[in-house]
C-alpha atoms as a PDB file:
ATOM      1  CA  MET A   1      18.640 -44.647 -13.215  1.00  0.00           C
ATOM      2  CA  ASN A   2      16.897 -44.938 -16.560  1.00  0.00           C
ATOM      3  CA  GLY A   3      17.716 -42.341 -19.163  1.00  0.00           C
ATOM      4  CA  ILE A   4      19.046 -41.785 -22.626  1.00  0.00           C
ATOM      5  CA  ILE A   5      21.684 -39.599 -24.215  1.00  0.00           C
ATOM      6  CA  THR A   6      20.164 -37.435 -26.936  1.00  0.00           C
ATOM      7  CA  ARG A   7      21.868 -36.789 -30.250  1.00  0.00           C
ATOM      8  CA  HIS A   8      22.991 -33.417 -28.866  1.00  0.00           C
ATOM      9  CA  GLY A   9      24.880 -35.160 -26.074  1.00  0.00           C
ATOM     10  CA  ARG A  10      22.444 -34.242 -23.292  1.00  0.00           C
ATOM     11  CA  PHE A  11      21.166 -36.664 -20.699  1.00  0.00           C
ATOM     12  CA  CYS A  12      17.389 -36.977 -20.690  1.00  0.00           C
ATOM     13  CA  VAL A  13      15.284 -38.780 -18.088  1.00  0.00           C
ATOM     14  CA  SER A  14      12.760 -41.250 -19.450  1.00  0.00           C
ATOM     15  CA  LEU A  15       9.085 -40.358 -19.625  1.00  0.00           C
ATOM     16  CA  SER A  16       8.207 -42.415 -16.552  1.00  0.00           C
ATOM     17  CA  HIS A  17      10.733 -40.443 -14.480  1.00  0.00           C
ATOM     18  CA  LYS A  18       9.471 -37.102 -15.803  1.00  0.00           C
ATOM     19  CA  ILE A  19       5.995 -37.974 -14.673  1.00  0.00           C
ATOM     20  CA  SER A  20       7.233 -38.959 -11.225  1.00  0.00           C
ATOM     21  CA  GLY A  21       8.955 -35.593 -10.805  1.00  0.00           C
ATOM     22  CA  ASN A  22      12.648 -36.367 -11.483  1.00  0.00           C
ATOM     23  CA  VAL A  23      13.176 -33.558 -13.952  1.00  0.00           C
ATOM     24  CA  ALA A  24      15.817 -31.755 -11.875  1.00  0.00           C
ATOM     25  CA  LEU A  25      18.639 -33.954 -13.200  1.00  0.00           C
ATOM     26  CA  HIS A  26      17.702 -33.135 -16.780  1.00  0.00           C
ATOM     27  CA  GLN A  27      17.773 -29.404 -16.010  1.00  0.00           C
ATOM     28  CA  ALA A  28      21.031 -29.658 -14.069  1.00  0.00           C
ATOM     29  CA  LYS A  29      22.833 -31.357 -16.979  1.00  0.00           C
ATOM     30  CA  ARG A  30      21.838 -28.650 -19.467  1.00  0.00           C
ATOM     31  CA  GLY A  31      23.542 -25.757 -17.702  1.00  0.00           C
ATOM     32  CA  LYS A  32      22.681 -22.090 -18.193  1.00  0.00           C
ATOM     33  CA  ARG A  33      21.136 -20.795 -21.360  1.00  0.00           C
ATOM     34  CA  LYS A  34      22.191 -17.668 -23.182  1.00  0.00           C
ATOM     35  CA  GLY A  35      20.158 -14.648 -22.164  1.00  0.00           C
ATOM     36  CA  GLY A  36      18.977 -16.338 -18.983  1.00  0.00           C
ATOM     37  CA  GLN A  37      18.982 -14.806 -15.562  1.00  0.00           C
ATOM     38  CA  SER A  38      22.340 -13.681 -14.298  1.00  0.00           C
ATOM     39  CA  ASP A  39      23.669 -13.725 -10.781  1.00  0.00           C
ATOM     40  CA  ALA A  40      24.093  -9.916 -10.770  1.00  0.00           C
ATOM     41  CA  PRO A  41      22.367  -8.072  -7.929  1.00  0.00           C
ATOM     42  CA  ALA A  42      18.892  -6.758  -8.661  1.00  0.00           C
ATOM     43  CA  THR A  43      18.230  -3.067  -9.118  1.00  0.00           C
ATOM     44  CA  LYS A  44      16.707  -0.988  -6.348  1.00  0.00           C
ATOM     45  CA  LYS A  45      13.293  -0.909  -8.012  1.00  0.00           C
ATOM     46  CA  ALA A  46      13.283  -4.654  -8.598  1.00  0.00           C
ATOM     47  CA  ALA A  47      14.388  -5.278  -5.017  1.00  0.00           C
ATOM     48  CA  ALA A  48      11.567  -3.059  -3.744  1.00  0.00           C
ATOM     49  CA  THR A  49       9.102  -4.940  -5.909  1.00  0.00           C
ATOM     50  CA  LEU A  50      10.266  -8.262  -4.533  1.00  0.00           C
ATOM     51  CA  ALA A  51      10.263  -7.093  -0.914  1.00  0.00           C
ATOM     52  CA  PRO A  52       7.142  -8.063   1.018  1.00  0.00           C
ATOM     53  CA  GLU A  53       4.526  -5.394   1.598  1.00  0.00           C
ATOM     54  CA  GLU A  54       4.735  -4.062   5.153  1.00  0.00           C
ATOM     55  CA  VAL A  55       1.662  -2.583   6.839  1.00  0.00           C
ATOM     56  CA  TYR A  56       2.325   0.677   8.694  1.00  0.00           C
ATOM     57  CA  PHE A  57      -1.244   1.348   9.857  1.00  0.00           C
ATOM     58  CA  GLU A  58      -4.513  -0.505   9.481  1.00  0.00           C
ATOM     59  CA  GLY A  59      -7.680   0.599  11.204  1.00  0.00           C
ATOM     60  CA  PRO A  60     -10.510   3.124  11.446  1.00  0.00           C
ATOM     61  CA  PRO A  61     -10.197   6.911  11.454  1.00  0.00           C
ATOM     62  CA  ALA A  62      -9.342   8.552  14.773  1.00  0.00           C
ATOM     63  CA  ILE A  63     -12.056   8.205  17.401  1.00  0.00           C
ATOM     64  CA  THR A  64     -11.691  11.867  18.372  1.00  0.00           C
ATOM     65  CA  GLU A  65     -14.057  12.864  15.556  1.00  0.00           C
ATOM     66  CA  THR A  66     -16.915  11.295  17.545  1.00  0.00           C
ATOM     67  CA  ILE A  67     -16.441  13.293  20.775  1.00  0.00           C
ATOM     68  CA  VAL A  68     -18.309  16.501  19.923  1.00  0.00           C
ATOM     69  CA  PRO A  69     -21.148  14.794  17.990  1.00  0.00           C
ATOM     70  CA  THR A  70     -21.670  12.346  20.856  1.00  0.00           C
ATOM     71  CA  ILE A  71     -21.888  15.187  23.380  1.00  0.00           C
ATOM     72  CA  SER A  72     -24.313  17.006  21.079  1.00  0.00           C
ATOM     73  CA  ILE A  73     -26.798  14.124  21.417  1.00  0.00           C
ATOM     74  CA  LEU A  74     -28.201  16.051  24.377  1.00  0.00           C
ATOM     75  CA  THR A  75     -29.856  18.252  21.783  1.00  0.00           C
ATOM     76  CA  VAL A  76     -32.323  16.720  19.371  1.00  0.00           C
ATOM     77  CA  VAL A  77     -30.373  18.027  16.375  1.00  0.00           C
ATOM     78  CA  GLY A  78     -27.147  16.362  17.596  1.00  0.00           C
ATOM     79  CA  ILE A  79     -28.422  12.851  16.926  1.00  0.00           C
ATOM     80  CA  ILE A  80     -27.776  13.088  13.176  1.00  0.00           C
ATOM     81  CA  PRO A  81     -24.090  14.198  13.366  1.00  0.00           C
ATOM     82  CA  ALA A  82     -23.433  11.615  16.080  1.00  0.00           C
ATOM     83  CA  ALA A  83     -24.904   8.843  13.946  1.00  0.00           C
ATOM     84  CA  ALA A  84     -22.787   9.952  10.971  1.00  0.00           C
ATOM     85  CA  ALA A  85     -19.588  10.058  13.053  1.00  0.00           C
ATOM     86  CA  TRP A  86     -20.172   6.621  14.554  1.00  0.00           C
ATOM     87  CA  ALA A  87     -21.063   5.206  11.125  1.00  0.00           C
ATOM     88  CA  ARG A  88     -17.671   6.406   9.828  1.00  0.00           C
ATOM     89  CA  GLN A  89     -16.005   4.634  12.749  1.00  0.00           C
ATOM     90  CA  ALA A  90     -17.850   1.437  11.932  1.00  0.00           C
ATOM     91  CA  TRP A  91     -17.486   1.426   8.148  1.00  0.00           C
ATOM     92  CA  VAL A  92     -14.272   3.247   7.157  1.00  0.00           C
ATOM     93  CA  ARG A  93     -10.906   1.480   7.333  1.00  0.00           C
ATOM     94  CA  TYR A  94      -7.493   2.838   6.335  1.00  0.00           C
ATOM     95  CA  LYS A  95      -4.577   0.642   5.342  1.00  0.00           C
ATOM     96  CA  ILE A  96      -1.222   2.347   4.829  1.00  0.00           C
ATOM     97  CA  THR A  97       1.633   0.154   3.607  1.00  0.00           C
ATOM     98  CA  ASN A  98       5.052   0.738   2.106  1.00  0.00           C
ATOM     99  CA  ARG A  99       3.534   0.303  -1.394  1.00  0.00           C
ATOM    100  CA  ARG A 100       0.025   1.758  -1.305  1.00  0.00           C
ATOM    101  CA  ILE A 101      -2.752   3.487   0.609  1.00  0.00           C
ATOM    102  CA  ARG A 102      -6.175   1.846   0.688  1.00  0.00           C
ATOM    103  CA  VAL A 103      -9.451   3.220   2.029  1.00  0.00           C
ATOM    104  CA  THR A 104     -12.296   0.736   2.443  1.00  0.00           C
ATOM    105  CA  SER A 105     -15.719   2.184   3.201  1.00  0.00           C
ATOM    106  CA  GLY A 106     -19.420   1.603   2.815  1.00  0.00           C
ATOM    107  CA  VAL A 107     -21.736  -0.847   4.482  1.00  0.00           C
ATOM    108  CA  GLY A 108     -19.798  -4.096   4.730  1.00  0.00           C
ATOM    109  CA  GLY A 109     -16.688  -2.568   3.156  1.00  0.00           C
ATOM    110  CA  ASN A 110     -18.045  -2.699  -0.383  1.00  0.00           C
ATOM    111  CA  ASP A 111     -16.329   0.480  -1.615  1.00  0.00           C
ATOM    112  CA  MET A 112     -12.564   0.554  -1.937  1.00  0.00           C
ATOM    113  CA  ALA A 113     -10.192   3.245  -3.179  1.00  0.00           C
ATOM    114  CA  GLU A 114      -6.498   2.493  -3.520  1.00  0.00           C
ATOM    115  CA  ILE A 115      -3.502   4.516  -4.691  1.00  0.00           C
ATOM    116  CA  VAL A 116       0.165   3.705  -5.121  1.00  0.00           C
ATOM    117  CA  TYR A 117       2.824   6.211  -4.095  1.00  0.00           C
ATOM    118  CA  PRO A 118       4.289   6.881  -7.583  1.00  0.00           C
ATOM    119  CA  ASP A 119       0.880   8.271  -8.675  1.00  0.00           C
ATOM    120  CA  ILE A 120       0.999  11.073  -6.073  1.00  0.00           C
ATOM    121  CA  ILE A 121       2.160  14.431  -7.465  1.00  0.00           C
ATOM    122  CA  GLU A 122       1.187  16.683  -4.538  1.00  0.00           C
ATOM    123  CA  LEU A 123       0.147  16.376  -0.879  1.00  0.00           C
ATOM    124  CA  ARG A 124      -1.774  18.854   1.266  1.00  0.00           C
ATOM    125  CA  THR A 125      -2.622  18.341   4.908  1.00  0.00           C
ATOM    126  CA  VAL A 126      -4.499  19.961   7.777  1.00  0.00           C
ATOM    127  CA  LYS A 127      -3.805  19.126  11.414  1.00  0.00           C
ATOM    128  CA  ARG A 128      -6.655  18.671  13.871  1.00  0.00           C
ATOM    129  CA  LEU A 129      -6.894  18.504  17.638  1.00  0.00           C
ATOM    130  CA  PHE A 130      -5.419  15.614  19.614  1.00  0.00           C
ATOM    131  CA  GLY A 131      -2.756  14.740  17.010  1.00  0.00           C
ATOM    132  CA  ASP A 132      -5.099  13.817  14.167  1.00  0.00           C
ATOM    133  CA  GLY A 133      -5.168  15.285  10.685  1.00  0.00           C
ATOM    134  CA  ASP A 134      -6.573  15.228   7.169  1.00  0.00           C
ATOM    135  CA  MET A 135      -4.684  14.606   3.944  1.00  0.00           C
ATOM    136  CA  VAL A 136      -5.486  15.210   0.281  1.00  0.00           C
ATOM    137  CA  ALA A 137      -3.274  13.570  -2.349  1.00  0.00           C
ATOM    138  CA  PHE A 138      -3.396  14.922  -5.890  1.00  0.00           C
ATOM    139  CA  LEU A 139      -2.800  12.162  -8.440  1.00  0.00           C
ATOM    140  CA  ARG A 140      -1.259  12.098 -11.935  1.00  0.00           C
ATOM    141  CA  ASP A 141      -4.623  11.571 -13.610  1.00  0.00           C
ATOM    142  CA  GLY A 142      -6.083  14.709 -11.975  1.00  0.00           C
ATOM    143  CA  ALA A 143      -8.029  12.862  -9.272  1.00  0.00           C
ATOM    144  CA  LYS A 144      -7.966  13.744  -5.575  1.00  0.00           C
ATOM    145  CA  PHE A 145      -7.624  11.129  -2.839  1.00  0.00           C
ATOM    146  CA  GLU A 146      -8.835  12.308   0.565  1.00  0.00           C
ATOM    147  CA  MET A 147      -8.288  10.789   4.000  1.00  0.00           C
ATOM    148  CA  ARG A 148      -9.972  12.378   7.012  1.00  0.00           C
ATOM    149  CA  ASN A 149      -9.000  12.039  10.674  1.00  0.00           C
ATOM    150  CA  ILE A 150      -5.787  10.074  10.276  1.00  0.00           C
ATOM    151  CA  PRO A 151      -4.620   8.934  13.735  1.00  0.00           C
ATOM    152  CA  ASN A 152      -1.024   9.713  14.836  1.00  0.00           C
ATOM    153  CA  PHE A 153      -0.882  12.187  12.004  1.00  0.00           C
ATOM    154  CA  ASP A 154       2.701  13.462  12.336  1.00  0.00           C
ATOM    155  CA  GLU A 155       4.243   9.976  12.317  1.00  0.00           C
ATOM    156  CA  THR A 156       1.927   8.782   9.548  1.00  0.00           C
ATOM    157  CA  ILE A 157       2.657  11.712   7.237  1.00  0.00           C
ATOM    158  CA  GLU A 158       6.409  11.231   7.753  1.00  0.00           C
ATOM    159  CA  PHE A 159       6.029   7.579   6.761  1.00  0.00           C
ATOM    160  CA  ILE A 160       4.082   8.585   3.647  1.00  0.00           C
ATOM    161  CA  LEU A 161       6.693  11.231   2.766  1.00  0.00           C
ATOM    162  CA  ASP A 162       9.391   8.549   2.933  1.00  0.00           C
ATOM    163  CA  GLN A 163       7.448   6.518   0.347  1.00  0.00           C
ATOM    164  CA  VAL A 164       6.582   9.227  -2.220  1.00  0.00           C
ATOM    165  CA  ASP A 165       8.954  10.711  -4.813  1.00  0.00           C
ATOM    166  CA  ASP A 166      11.615  13.070  -3.482  1.00  0.00           C
ATOM    167  CA  ASP A 167      10.183  16.030  -5.427  1.00  0.00           C
ATOM    168  CA  VAL A 168       6.750  15.543  -3.855  1.00  0.00           C
ATOM    169  CA  ALA A 169       8.222  15.298  -0.340  1.00  0.00           C
ATOM    170  CA  LYS A 170      10.378  18.398  -0.878  1.00  0.00           C
ATOM    171  CA  GLU A 171       7.413  20.422  -2.154  1.00  0.00           C
ATOM    172  CA  TYR A 172       5.250  19.242   0.765  1.00  0.00           C
ATOM    173  CA  ARG A 173       7.850  20.265   3.328  1.00  0.00           C
ATOM    174  CA  LYS A 174       7.932  23.697   1.704  1.00  0.00           C
ATOM    175  CA  VAL A 175       4.187  24.491   1.503  1.00  0.00           C
ATOM    176  CA  GLY A 176       2.097  21.330   1.945  1.00  0.00           C
ATOM    177  CA  ASP A 177       0.654  21.782   5.427  1.00  0.00           C
ATOM    178  CA  VAL A 178      -2.181  24.304   5.206  1.00  0.00           C
ATOM    179  CA  THR A 179      -2.009  25.086   8.946  1.00  0.00           C
ATOM    180  CA  ASN A 180       1.610  26.308   8.709  1.00  0.00           C
ATOM    181  CA  PRO A 181       1.905  30.110   8.337  1.00  0.00           C
END
């Protein structure tokens, strides 16, 4: 192997070997630097950041919102609400992961709204028929993030409560669901 010893006593691979990709030997001879990465376990936040994003739900709003408008097509006036309900089914997509909530809407999915769980300061929900529900998340910057007709609402809201801050989840369990007396 071609190489030289530098005046600091380190082994250095010649330029032709560096170009060919044999730089690992040079790095192995140097050892660890001061202030470099340690072998200590990562913190919880860093571990969560490094963990891959897992998708809990991805799809359209619940189809149950189209039942009544579709039946109302028998009247002339019912055509407009039915068209609006079916357009929401075609154009709105929810994606709920362990890091964020994303709502894609509009013709061709051109509009996108996305929030991360640490930005949520309050949740309010309303349950609907057939296990669906609506959710409004109040964010740190004063904005409101609304999701209508979430399918499998009880399981989905429990997943979201596991992701948000403990204070937000505790407050929601106390008064967050509007339909609770």
